[in-house]
Amino acid sequence: MKRLTFYSYLKKQKNRNDPIGDLAADVLADKSFPKDVSSKTDLLEYLNNAGACYGALAAAKEVFSDYQAAAKTTC
């Protein structure tokens, strides 16, 4: 079975009408976003370096936790 990546999980969130949906849309529009992000630390570091606001960082923490839970159930 193919492993669920954070990027593919985030793509599924792009139509949400909340901060996670906003983050997903921003990430998908960012051509330099690393598609192989595998830890919350790496995600937050990238977003911090890109100048993300507090709301985006909070959404990133939440969606990464959601992703980890989803990844466990699909493996």
C-alpha atoms as a PDB file:
ATOM      1  CA  MET A   1       0.000   0.000   0.000  1.00  0.00           C
ATOM      2  CA  LYS A   2       1.261   3.461  -0.920  1.00  0.00           C
ATOM      3  CA  ARG A   3       2.146   5.673   2.046  1.00  0.00           C
ATOM      4  CA  LEU A   4       0.031   8.776   2.528  1.00  0.00           C
ATOM      5  CA  THR A   5       2.266  11.833   2.268  1.00  0.00           C
ATOM      6  CA  PHE A   6       1.583  15.102   4.032  1.00  0.00           C
ATOM      7  CA  TYR A   7       1.450  16.907   0.692  1.00  0.00           C
ATOM      8  CA  SER A   8      -1.165  14.518  -0.721  1.00  0.00           C
ATOM      9  CA  TYR A   9      -3.165  14.786   2.503  1.00  0.00           C
ATOM     10  CA  LEU A  10      -3.016  18.573   2.335  1.00  0.00           C
ATOM     11  CA  LYS A  11      -4.241  18.524  -1.278  1.00  0.00           C
ATOM     12  CA  LYS A  12      -7.434  16.906  -0.016  1.00  0.00           C
ATOM     13  CA  GLN A  13      -7.962  19.804   2.418  1.00  0.00           C
ATOM     14  CA  LYS A  14      -7.845  22.635  -0.143  1.00  0.00           C
ATOM     15  CA  ASN A  15     -11.621  23.091  -0.382  1.00  0.00           C
ATOM     16  CA  ARG A  16     -12.175  23.498   3.351  1.00  0.00           C
ATOM     17  CA  ASN A  17     -13.626  26.827   4.391  1.00  0.00           C
ATOM     18  CA  ASP A  18     -11.332  27.365   7.378  1.00  0.00           C
ATOM     19  CA  PRO A  19      -7.689  28.217   8.157  1.00  0.00           C
ATOM     20  CA  ILE A  20      -6.573  24.705   7.153  1.00  0.00           C
ATOM     21  CA  GLY A  21      -8.171  25.166   3.738  1.00  0.00           C
ATOM     22  CA  ASP A  22      -6.450  28.543   3.442  1.00  0.00           C
ATOM     23  CA  LEU A  23      -3.107  26.978   4.355  1.00  0.00           C
ATOM     24  CA  ALA A  24      -3.633  24.159   1.868  1.00  0.00           C
ATOM     25  CA  ALA A  25      -4.384  26.634  -0.924  1.00  0.00           C
ATOM     26  CA  ASP A  26      -1.291  28.685  -0.060  1.00  0.00           C
ATOM     27  CA  VAL A  27       0.957  25.608   0.075  1.00  0.00           C
ATOM     28  CA  LEU A  28      -0.374  24.257  -3.216  1.00  0.00           C
ATOM     29  CA  ALA A  29       0.306  27.624  -4.867  1.00  0.00           C
ATOM     30  CA  ASP A  30       3.868  27.699  -3.473  1.00  0.00           C
ATOM     31  CA  LYS A  31       6.020  26.044  -6.135  1.00  0.00           C
ATOM     32  CA  SER A  32       8.975  25.829  -3.732  1.00  0.00           C
ATOM     33  CA  PHE A  33       7.074  24.008  -0.968  1.00  0.00           C
ATOM     34  CA  PRO A  34       8.880  20.717  -0.285  1.00  0.00           C
ATOM     35  CA  LYS A  35       6.581  17.846  -1.233  1.00  0.00           C
ATOM     36  CA  ASP A  36       8.491  15.465   1.028  1.00  0.00           C
ATOM     37  CA  VAL A  37       7.830  17.187   4.376  1.00  0.00           C
ATOM     38  CA  SER A  38       7.810  14.381   6.920  1.00  0.00           C
ATOM     39  CA  SER A  39       7.807  16.120  10.299  1.00  0.00           C
ATOM     40  CA  LYS A  40       5.946  18.912  12.006  1.00  0.00           C
ATOM     41  CA  THR A  41       9.293  20.546  12.785  1.00  0.00           C
ATOM     42  CA  ASP A  42      10.270  20.650   9.106  1.00  0.00           C
ATOM     43  CA  LEU A  43       6.862  22.036   8.161  1.00  0.00           C
ATOM     44  CA  LEU A  44       6.975  24.796  10.760  1.00  0.00           C
ATOM     45  CA  GLU A  45      10.564  25.667   9.891  1.00  0.00           C
ATOM     46  CA  TYR A  46       9.652  26.058   6.228  1.00  0.00           C
ATOM     47  CA  LEU A  47       6.619  28.189   7.030  1.00  0.00           C
ATOM     48  CA  ASN A  48       8.561  30.348   9.491  1.00  0.00           C
ATOM     49  CA  ASN A  49      11.276  30.954   6.907  1.00  0.00           C
ATOM     50  CA  ALA A  50       8.585  31.861   4.374  1.00  0.00           C
ATOM     51  CA  GLY A  51       7.180  34.474   6.767  1.00  0.00           C
ATOM     52  CA  ALA A  52       3.937  32.705   7.642  1.00  0.00           C
ATOM     53  CA  CYS A  53       1.615  34.448  10.099  1.00  0.00           C
ATOM     54  CA  TYR A  54       0.568  33.030  13.469  1.00  0.00           C
ATOM     55  CA  GLY A  55      -2.736  31.756  12.052  1.00  0.00           C
ATOM     56  CA  ALA A  56      -0.987  29.805   9.317  1.00  0.00           C
ATOM     57  CA  LEU A  57       1.404  28.262  11.846  1.00  0.00           C
ATOM     58  CA  ALA A  58      -1.491  27.275  14.119  1.00  0.00           C
ATOM     59  CA  ALA A  59      -3.334  25.725  11.159  1.00  0.00           C
ATOM     60  CA  ALA A  60      -0.151  23.867  10.155  1.00  0.00           C
ATOM     61  CA  LYS A  61       0.185  22.342  13.620  1.00  0.00           C
ATOM     62  CA  GLU A  62      -3.430  21.226  13.569  1.00  0.00           C
ATOM     63  CA  VAL A  63      -3.417  19.789  10.061  1.00  0.00           C
ATOM     64  CA  PHE A  64      -0.113  17.969  10.613  1.00  0.00           C
ATOM     65  CA  SER A  65      -1.596  16.263  13.676  1.00  0.00           C
ATOM     66  CA  ASP A  66      -4.676  15.348  11.609  1.00  0.00           C
ATOM     67  CA  TYR A  67      -2.384  13.995   8.894  1.00  0.00           C
ATOM     68  CA  GLN A  68      -0.461  11.828  11.350  1.00  0.00           C
ATOM     69  CA  ALA A  69      -3.707  10.301  12.621  1.00  0.00           C
ATOM     70  CA  ALA A  70      -4.912   9.677   9.046  1.00  0.00           C
ATOM     71  CA  ALA A  71      -1.562   8.174   8.018  1.00  0.00           C
ATOM     72  CA  LYS A  72      -1.759   5.674  10.882  1.00  0.00           C
ATOM     73  CA  THR A  73      -5.191   4.461   9.785  1.00  0.00           C
ATOM     74  CA  THR A  74      -4.205   4.046   6.126  1.00  0.00           C
ATOM     75  CA  CYS A  75      -1.099   1.945   6.771  1.00  0.00           C
END
